[in-house]
Amino acid sequence: MIAKKFYKHYPIKGYALYWILIVYLVVGWFYPVIGFLALICMIAPVAFSVTRGRWWCGNACPRGSLYDRALSKYSPHRPIPRFVRTFAFRLFMVLFIFTMFGVQMYFAWGDWNAMGRVFWTIILITTIVGVILSFIYAPRTWCSFCPMGTLSSWVSPKKAPLPAGFTNIHVADTCRMKCKSCARVCPMQIAPYDSRGAEEGYLHPDCIKCGRCVKACPTQIMELRHAKNMDK
């Protein structure tokens, strides 16, 4: 008997930002110095996470957009392997990627095109890995251990008081967890319903604030709101 698939693709309105990634990779092939633009997607996720959690990953990351809006339609949506979420594996990936980056940058130092190529190559290789994993497991498998995503999760607020403007999922205490629709559509395969009735909301560090769980809730007892509105 074939097991029923739990996770599924759930489209929401928004811009297809993955075209930015495609243009970057194409143009960067001919003009390597363009590679330096990768700094935006290396610094911004962590910077935003200090006050907003992994908001960038779910709303502004071009590669995340590729996973959610294009590859999600064809992915088998299998469970993301547990070991890739472990602290040890994620720490290894952070050290591995940054070590490889540092070594390559050392040899390229002083040549702007060569240095730009280092950034471009890392984006290309990690994108290829992410695409392959999307067709083996789930669209956001790479995001579960992406070095920048990992750093973002480490600096994300994890307890009250939360920074003003912190975007968070809130689940009413009337949730009975029977449908688990929020978990079914979550790109990160986490369970927002675990925070039902919690005053501070869902503080899982890997929540990317995409809002799919809110849209998919059949009883509309979930909402995505800012910390400053928690008293409402």
C-alpha atoms as a PDB file:
ATOM      1  CA  MET A   1       0.000   0.000   0.000  1.00  0.00           C
ATOM      2  CA  ILE A   2       1.392   3.388  -1.004  1.00  0.00           C
ATOM      3  CA  ALA A   3       1.650   5.804   1.897  1.00  0.00           C
ATOM      4  CA  LYS A   4      -0.372   8.970   1.506  1.00  0.00           C
ATOM      5  CA  LYS A   5       1.806  12.033   0.928  1.00  0.00           C
ATOM      6  CA  PHE A   6       1.641  14.402   3.885  1.00  0.00           C
ATOM      7  CA  TYR A   7       3.364  17.531   2.568  1.00  0.00           C
ATOM      8  CA  LYS A   8       2.122  19.342  -0.513  1.00  0.00           C
ATOM      9  CA  HIS A   9       2.620  22.324  -2.788  1.00  0.00           C
ATOM     10  CA  TYR A  10       0.618  25.365  -1.779  1.00  0.00           C
ATOM     11  CA  PRO A  11       0.870  28.438  -4.038  1.00  0.00           C
ATOM     12  CA  ILE A  12       0.354  31.972  -2.741  1.00  0.00           C
ATOM     13  CA  LYS A  13       0.347  35.326  -4.508  1.00  0.00           C
ATOM     14  CA  GLY A  14       3.557  37.273  -4.848  1.00  0.00           C
ATOM     15  CA  TYR A  15       6.438  38.118  -7.142  1.00  0.00           C
ATOM     16  CA  ALA A  16       8.544  35.418  -8.790  1.00  0.00           C
ATOM     17  CA  LEU A  17      11.881  36.626  -7.452  1.00  0.00           C
ATOM     18  CA  TYR A  18      13.733  33.596  -8.781  1.00  0.00           C
ATOM     19  CA  TRP A  19      14.258  35.486 -12.049  1.00  0.00           C
ATOM     20  CA  ILE A  20      16.793  37.580 -10.155  1.00  0.00           C
ATOM     21  CA  LEU A  21      18.789  34.422  -9.452  1.00  0.00           C
ATOM     22  CA  ILE A  22      18.588  33.256 -13.064  1.00  0.00           C
ATOM     23  CA  VAL A  23      19.719  36.634 -14.416  1.00  0.00           C
ATOM     24  CA  TYR A  24      22.532  36.738 -11.843  1.00  0.00           C
ATOM     25  CA  LEU A  25      23.852  33.330 -12.887  1.00  0.00           C
ATOM     26  CA  VAL A  26      23.627  34.082 -16.622  1.00  0.00           C
ATOM     27  CA  VAL A  27      25.159  37.563 -16.484  1.00  0.00           C
ATOM     28  CA  GLY A  28      27.755  36.446 -13.937  1.00  0.00           C
ATOM     29  CA  TRP A  29      29.038  33.837 -16.374  1.00  0.00           C
ATOM     30  CA  PHE A  30      30.071  36.598 -18.783  1.00  0.00           C
ATOM     31  CA  TYR A  31      30.847  39.314 -16.224  1.00  0.00           C
ATOM     32  CA  PRO A  32      32.269  37.651 -13.076  1.00  0.00           C
ATOM     33  CA  VAL A  33      32.468  40.893 -11.133  1.00  0.00           C
ATOM     34  CA  ILE A  34      28.661  40.683 -10.895  1.00  0.00           C
ATOM     35  CA  GLY A  35      29.318  37.883  -8.405  1.00  0.00           C
ATOM     36  CA  PHE A  36      29.819  40.448  -5.642  1.00  0.00           C
ATOM     37  CA  LEU A  37      26.041  40.991  -5.590  1.00  0.00           C
ATOM     38  CA  ALA A  38      25.883  37.716  -3.684  1.00  0.00           C
ATOM     39  CA  LEU A  39      26.968  39.719  -0.649  1.00  0.00           C
ATOM     40  CA  ILE A  40      23.399  41.020  -0.439  1.00  0.00           C
ATOM     41  CA  CYS A  41      21.990  37.528   0.031  1.00  0.00           C
ATOM     42  CA  MET A  42      24.761  36.668   2.474  1.00  0.00           C
ATOM     43  CA  ILE A  43      24.424  39.685   4.752  1.00  0.00           C
ATOM     44  CA  ALA A  44      20.723  40.585   4.502  1.00  0.00           C
ATOM     45  CA  PRO A  45      19.292  37.277   5.848  1.00  0.00           C
ATOM     46  CA  VAL A  46      21.329  37.518   9.047  1.00  0.00           C
ATOM     47  CA  ALA A  47      20.777  41.258   9.438  1.00  0.00           C
ATOM     48  CA  PHE A  48      17.006  40.890   9.115  1.00  0.00           C
ATOM     49  CA  SER A  49      16.929  37.907  11.473  1.00  0.00           C
ATOM     50  CA  VAL A  50      18.137  39.941  14.432  1.00  0.00           C
ATOM     51  CA  THR A  51      14.774  41.702  14.605  1.00  0.00           C
ATOM     52  CA  ARG A  52      12.478  39.776  12.243  1.00  0.00           C
ATOM     53  CA  GLY A  53      13.571  36.148  12.336  1.00  0.00           C
ATOM     54  CA  ARG A  54      14.104  34.320   9.034  1.00  0.00           C
ATOM     55  CA  TRP A  55      11.766  36.713   7.228  1.00  0.00           C
ATOM     56  CA  TRP A  56      14.240  37.255   4.379  1.00  0.00           C
ATOM     57  CA  CYS A  57      14.336  33.526   3.582  1.00  0.00           C
ATOM     58  CA  GLY A  58      10.597  33.327   3.080  1.00  0.00           C
ATOM     59  CA  ASN A  59       9.927  36.679   1.448  1.00  0.00           C
ATOM     60  CA  ALA A  60      12.980  38.140  -0.288  1.00  0.00           C
ATOM     61  CA  CYS A  61      15.397  35.324  -1.115  1.00  0.00           C
ATOM     62  CA  PRO A  62      15.486  34.701  -4.900  1.00  0.00           C
ATOM     63  CA  ARG A  63      16.560  31.096  -4.419  1.00  0.00           C
ATOM     64  CA  GLY A  64      13.813  30.527  -1.870  1.00  0.00           C
ATOM     65  CA  SER A  65      11.395  31.871  -4.451  1.00  0.00           C
ATOM     66  CA  LEU A  66      12.700  29.309  -6.940  1.00  0.00           C
ATOM     67  CA  TYR A  67      11.961  26.502  -4.494  1.00  0.00           C
ATOM     68  CA  ASP A  68       8.504  27.729  -3.465  1.00  0.00           C
ATOM     69  CA  ARG A  69       7.117  29.005  -6.766  1.00  0.00           C
ATOM     70  CA  ALA A  70       8.713  26.738  -9.365  1.00  0.00           C
ATOM     71  CA  LEU A  71      10.258  23.548  -8.020  1.00  0.00           C
ATOM     72  CA  SER A  72       7.574  22.960  -5.385  1.00  0.00           C
ATOM     73  CA  LYS A  73       5.150  22.057  -8.176  1.00  0.00           C
ATOM     74  CA  TYR A  74       7.268  19.063  -9.178  1.00  0.00           C
ATOM     75  CA  SER A  75       8.963  18.046  -5.936  1.00  0.00           C
ATOM     76  CA  PRO A  76       7.903  14.747  -4.313  1.00  0.00           C
ATOM     77  CA  HIS A  77       7.624  16.614  -0.988  1.00  0.00           C
ATOM     78  CA  ARG A  78       9.206  13.823   1.009  1.00  0.00           C
ATOM     79  CA  PRO A  79      10.181  14.447   4.659  1.00  0.00           C
ATOM     80  CA  ILE A  80      13.425  16.386   5.009  1.00  0.00           C
ATOM     81  CA  PRO A  81      16.064  14.092   6.603  1.00  0.00           C
ATOM     82  CA  ARG A  82      16.330  14.774  10.314  1.00  0.00           C
ATOM     83  CA  PHE A  83      20.109  14.720  10.426  1.00  0.00           C
ATOM     84  CA  VAL A  84      20.425  17.815   8.201  1.00  0.00           C
ATOM     85  CA  ARG A  85      18.620  19.820  10.882  1.00  0.00           C
ATOM     86  CA  THR A  86      20.969  18.806  13.680  1.00  0.00           C
ATOM     87  CA  PHE A  87      23.283  21.393  15.196  1.00  0.00           C
ATOM     88  CA  ALA A  88      26.362  19.301  14.365  1.00  0.00           C
ATOM     89  CA  PHE A  89      25.546  18.989  10.665  1.00  0.00           C
ATOM     90  CA  ARG A  90      24.565  22.620  10.291  1.00  0.00           C
ATOM     91  CA  LEU A  91      27.725  23.752  12.059  1.00  0.00           C
ATOM     92  CA  PHE A  92      29.746  21.524   9.743  1.00  0.00           C
ATOM     93  CA  MET A  93      28.097  23.118   6.695  1.00  0.00           C
ATOM     94  CA  VAL A  94      28.804  26.637   7.974  1.00  0.00           C
ATOM     95  CA  LEU A  95      32.465  25.812   8.573  1.00  0.00           C
ATOM     96  CA  PHE A  96      32.812  23.872   5.308  1.00  0.00           C
ATOM     97  CA  ILE A  97      31.277  26.527   3.055  1.00  0.00           C
ATOM     98  CA  PHE A  98      33.125  29.417   4.664  1.00  0.00           C
ATOM     99  CA  THR A  99      36.409  27.509   4.628  1.00  0.00           C
ATOM    100  CA  MET A 100      36.050  26.753   0.919  1.00  0.00           C
ATOM    101  CA  PHE A 101      35.074  30.362   0.312  1.00  0.00           C
ATOM    102  CA  GLY A 102      38.059  31.650   2.290  1.00  0.00           C
ATOM    103  CA  VAL A 103      40.568  29.409   0.516  1.00  0.00           C
ATOM    104  CA  GLN A 104      39.321  30.357  -2.934  1.00  0.00           C
ATOM    105  CA  MET A 105      39.180  34.034  -2.027  1.00  0.00           C
ATOM    106  CA  TYR A 106      42.775  33.866  -0.776  1.00  0.00           C
ATOM    107  CA  PHE A 107      44.033  32.733  -4.177  1.00  0.00           C
ATOM    108  CA  ALA A 108      41.800  35.182  -6.046  1.00  0.00           C
ATOM    109  CA  TRP A 109      42.620  38.201  -3.876  1.00  0.00           C
ATOM    110  CA  GLY A 110      43.449  41.349  -5.768  1.00  0.00           C
ATOM    111  CA  ASP A 111      41.707  40.328  -8.995  1.00  0.00           C
ATOM    112  CA  TRP A 112      38.159  41.722  -8.940  1.00  0.00           C
ATOM    113  CA  ASN A 113      36.904  39.381 -11.639  1.00  0.00           C
ATOM    114  CA  ALA A 114      38.440  36.349  -9.931  1.00  0.00           C
ATOM    115  CA  MET A 115      36.978  37.334  -6.572  1.00  0.00           C
ATOM    116  CA  GLY A 116      33.590  37.910  -8.159  1.00  0.00           C
ATOM    117  CA  ARG A 117      33.853  34.460  -9.738  1.00  0.00           C
ATOM    118  CA  VAL A 118      34.327  32.945  -6.277  1.00  0.00           C
ATOM    119  CA  PHE A 119      30.990  34.370  -5.122  1.00  0.00           C
ATOM    120  CA  TRP A 120      29.293  33.354  -8.369  1.00  0.00           C
ATOM    121  CA  THR A 121      30.633  29.804  -8.205  1.00  0.00           C
ATOM    122  CA  ILE A 122      29.419  29.270  -4.650  1.00  0.00           C
ATOM    123  CA  ILE A 123      25.941  30.498  -5.570  1.00  0.00           C
ATOM    124  CA  LEU A 124      25.914  28.259  -8.657  1.00  0.00           C
ATOM    125  CA  ILE A 125      27.068  25.114  -6.850  1.00  0.00           C
ATOM    126  CA  THR A 126      24.762  25.538  -3.850  1.00  0.00           C
ATOM    127  CA  THR A 127      21.852  26.269  -6.192  1.00  0.00           C
ATOM    128  CA  ILE A 128      22.530  23.052  -8.116  1.00  0.00           C
ATOM    129  CA  VAL A 129      22.679  21.114  -4.835  1.00  0.00           C
ATOM    130  CA  GLY A 130      19.445  22.727  -3.690  1.00  0.00           C
ATOM    131  CA  VAL A 131      17.663  21.903  -6.961  1.00  0.00           C
ATOM    132  CA  ILE A 132      18.771  18.267  -6.812  1.00  0.00           C
ATOM    133  CA  LEU A 133      17.578  17.952  -3.209  1.00  0.00           C
ATOM    134  CA  SER A 134      14.248  19.500  -4.224  1.00  0.00           C
ATOM    135  CA  PHE A 135      13.594  16.557  -6.537  1.00  0.00           C
ATOM    136  CA  ILE A 136      14.780  13.968  -4.014  1.00  0.00           C
ATOM    137  CA  TYR A 137      13.136  15.250  -0.841  1.00  0.00           C
ATOM    138  CA  ALA A 138      11.391  18.626  -0.498  1.00  0.00           C
ATOM    139  CA  PRO A 139      11.800  22.050  -2.149  1.00  0.00           C
ATOM    140  CA  ARG A 140      13.333  23.704   0.898  1.00  0.00           C
ATOM    141  CA  THR A 141      15.648  20.868   1.919  1.00  0.00           C
ATOM    142  CA  TRP A 142      18.705  23.049   1.280  1.00  0.00           C
ATOM    143  CA  CYS A 143      17.189  25.824   3.396  1.00  0.00           C
ATOM    144  CA  SER A 144      17.159  23.451   6.368  1.00  0.00           C
ATOM    145  CA  PHE A 145      20.957  23.585   6.538  1.00  0.00           C
ATOM    146  CA  CYS A 146      21.889  26.556   4.340  1.00  0.00           C
ATOM    147  CA  PRO A 147      24.824  28.288   6.085  1.00  0.00           C
ATOM    148  CA  MET A 148      23.220  31.719   5.910  1.00  0.00           C
ATOM    149  CA  GLY A 149      19.890  30.285   7.008  1.00  0.00           C
ATOM    150  CA  THR A 150      21.627  28.550   9.899  1.00  0.00           C
ATOM    151  CA  LEU A 151      23.322  31.767  11.012  1.00  0.00           C
ATOM    152  CA  SER A 152      19.962  33.525  10.676  1.00  0.00           C
ATOM    153  CA  SER A 153      18.253  30.945  12.873  1.00  0.00           C
ATOM    154  CA  TRP A 154      20.970  31.300  15.493  1.00  0.00           C
ATOM    155  CA  VAL A 155      20.492  35.053  15.848  1.00  0.00           C
ATOM    156  CA  SER A 156      16.686  35.030  15.551  1.00  0.00           C
ATOM    157  CA  PRO A 157      14.732  36.084  18.675  1.00  0.00           C
ATOM    158  CA  LYS A 158      13.690  32.975  20.585  1.00  0.00           C
ATOM    159  CA  LYS A 159      11.851  34.334  23.582  1.00  0.00           C
ATOM    160  CA  ALA A 160       9.924  37.343  24.828  1.00  0.00           C
ATOM    161  CA  PRO A 161      10.257  40.275  24.915  1.00  0.00           C
ATOM    162  CA  LEU A 162      10.384  40.360  21.146  1.00  0.00           C
ATOM    163  CA  PRO A 163      11.752  43.258  19.062  1.00  0.00           C
ATOM    164  CA  ALA A 164       9.190  45.728  17.737  1.00  0.00           C
ATOM    165  CA  GLY A 165       8.252  44.683  14.222  1.00  0.00           C
ATOM    166  CA  PHE A 166       9.124  41.023  14.767  1.00  0.00           C
ATOM    167  CA  THR A 167       6.891  39.045  12.409  1.00  0.00           C
ATOM    168  CA  ASN A 168       5.359  36.003  14.020  1.00  0.00           C
ATOM    169  CA  ILE A 169       2.744  33.295  13.583  1.00  0.00           C
ATOM    170  CA  HIS A 170       0.018  33.203  16.226  1.00  0.00           C
ATOM    171  CA  VAL A 171      -2.296  30.218  16.626  1.00  0.00           C
ATOM    172  CA  ALA A 172      -5.509  30.504  18.631  1.00  0.00           C
ATOM    173  CA  ASP A 173      -5.963  28.133  21.557  1.00  0.00           C
ATOM    174  CA  THR A 174      -9.060  26.759  19.818  1.00  0.00           C
ATOM    175  CA  CYS A 175      -6.797  24.806  17.465  1.00  0.00           C
ATOM    176  CA  ARG A 176      -7.220  21.056  18.013  1.00  0.00           C
ATOM    177  CA  MET A 177      -4.443  19.950  15.632  1.00  0.00           C
ATOM    178  CA  LYS A 178      -6.767  17.529  13.819  1.00  0.00           C
ATOM    179  CA  CYS A 179      -6.158  18.686  10.236  1.00  0.00           C
ATOM    180  CA  LYS A 180      -2.536  19.812  10.595  1.00  0.00           C
ATOM    181  CA  SER A 181      -3.029  21.812   7.405  1.00  0.00           C
ATOM    182  CA  CYS A 182      -0.424  24.345   8.532  1.00  0.00           C
ATOM    183  CA  ALA A 183       2.252  21.665   8.756  1.00  0.00           C
ATOM    184  CA  ARG A 184       1.225  20.137   5.419  1.00  0.00           C
ATOM    185  CA  VAL A 185       1.946  23.333   3.491  1.00  0.00           C
ATOM    186  CA  CYS A 186       4.944  24.559   5.494  1.00  0.00           C
ATOM    187  CA  PRO A 187       7.980  24.744   3.135  1.00  0.00           C
ATOM    188  CA  MET A 188      10.294  24.097   6.097  1.00  0.00           C
ATOM    189  CA  GLN A 189       8.211  21.142   7.300  1.00  0.00           C
ATOM    190  CA  ILE A 190       7.792  22.461  10.820  1.00  0.00           C
ATOM    191  CA  ALA A 191       4.590  22.548  12.879  1.00  0.00           C
ATOM    192  CA  PRO A 192       3.097  25.961  13.726  1.00  0.00           C
ATOM    193  CA  TYR A 193       0.208  24.287  15.564  1.00  0.00           C
ATOM    194  CA  ASP A 194       2.661  23.416  18.351  1.00  0.00           C
ATOM    195  CA  SER A 195       2.336  27.024  19.537  1.00  0.00           C
ATOM    196  CA  ARG A 196      -1.445  27.040  19.871  1.00  0.00           C
ATOM    197  CA  GLY A 197      -2.505  29.511  22.539  1.00  0.00           C
ATOM    198  CA  ALA A 198       1.062  30.731  23.148  1.00  0.00           C
ATOM    199  CA  GLU A 199       1.055  34.465  23.876  1.00  0.00           C
ATOM    200  CA  GLU A 200       4.450  35.001  22.245  1.00  0.00           C
ATOM    201  CA  GLY A 201       3.452  33.025  19.138  1.00  0.00           C
ATOM    202  CA  TYR A 202       5.461  30.489  17.173  1.00  0.00           C
ATOM    203  CA  LEU A 203       9.139  31.088  17.871  1.00  0.00           C
ATOM    204  CA  HIS A 204      10.700  28.235  15.933  1.00  0.00           C
ATOM    205  CA  PRO A 205      13.988  29.697  14.602  1.00  0.00           C
ATOM    206  CA  ASP A 206      13.455  28.126  11.163  1.00  0.00           C
ATOM    207  CA  CYS A 207      10.027  29.658  10.558  1.00  0.00           C
ATOM    208  CA  ILE A 208      10.495  31.725   7.384  1.00  0.00           C
ATOM    209  CA  LYS A 209       7.345  33.867   7.841  1.00  0.00           C
ATOM    210  CA  CYS A 210       5.976  32.977   4.398  1.00  0.00           C
ATOM    211  CA  GLY A 211       2.378  32.917   5.634  1.00  0.00           C
ATOM    212  CA  ARG A 212       1.361  29.710   3.870  1.00  0.00           C
ATOM    213  CA  CYS A 213       0.139  28.162   7.103  1.00  0.00           C
ATOM    214  CA  VAL A 214      -2.124  31.153   7.718  1.00  0.00           C
ATOM    215  CA  LYS A 215      -3.598  30.963   4.209  1.00  0.00           C
ATOM    216  CA  ALA A 216      -4.136  27.206   4.409  1.00  0.00           C
ATOM    217  CA  CYS A 217      -5.802  27.119   7.843  1.00  0.00           C
ATOM    218  CA  PRO A 218      -9.400  25.964   7.146  1.00  0.00           C
ATOM    219  CA  THR A 219     -10.773  27.630  10.291  1.00  0.00           C
ATOM    220  CA  GLN A 220      -8.747  30.849   9.958  1.00  0.00           C
ATOM    221  CA  ILE A 221      -7.519  30.733  13.548  1.00  0.00           C
ATOM    222  CA  MET A 222      -3.946  31.636  12.629  1.00  0.00           C
ATOM    223  CA  GLU A 223      -2.472  35.007  11.797  1.00  0.00           C
ATOM    224  CA  LEU A 224       0.871  36.539  10.912  1.00  0.00           C
ATOM    225  CA  ARG A 225       1.429  39.749  12.850  1.00  0.00           C
ATOM    226  CA  HIS A 226       4.077  42.021  14.322  1.00  0.00           C
ATOM    227  CA  ALA A 227       5.196  41.858  17.931  1.00  0.00           C
ATOM    228  CA  LYS A 228       3.969  45.410  18.570  1.00  0.00           C
ATOM    229  CA  ASN A 229       0.418  44.162  17.911  1.00  0.00           C
ATOM    230  CA  MET A 230       0.560  41.267  20.353  1.00  0.00           C
ATOM    231  CA  ASP A 231      -1.531  43.123  22.903  1.00  0.00           C
ATOM    232  CA  LYS A 232      -4.442  43.373  20.467  1.00  0.00           C
END
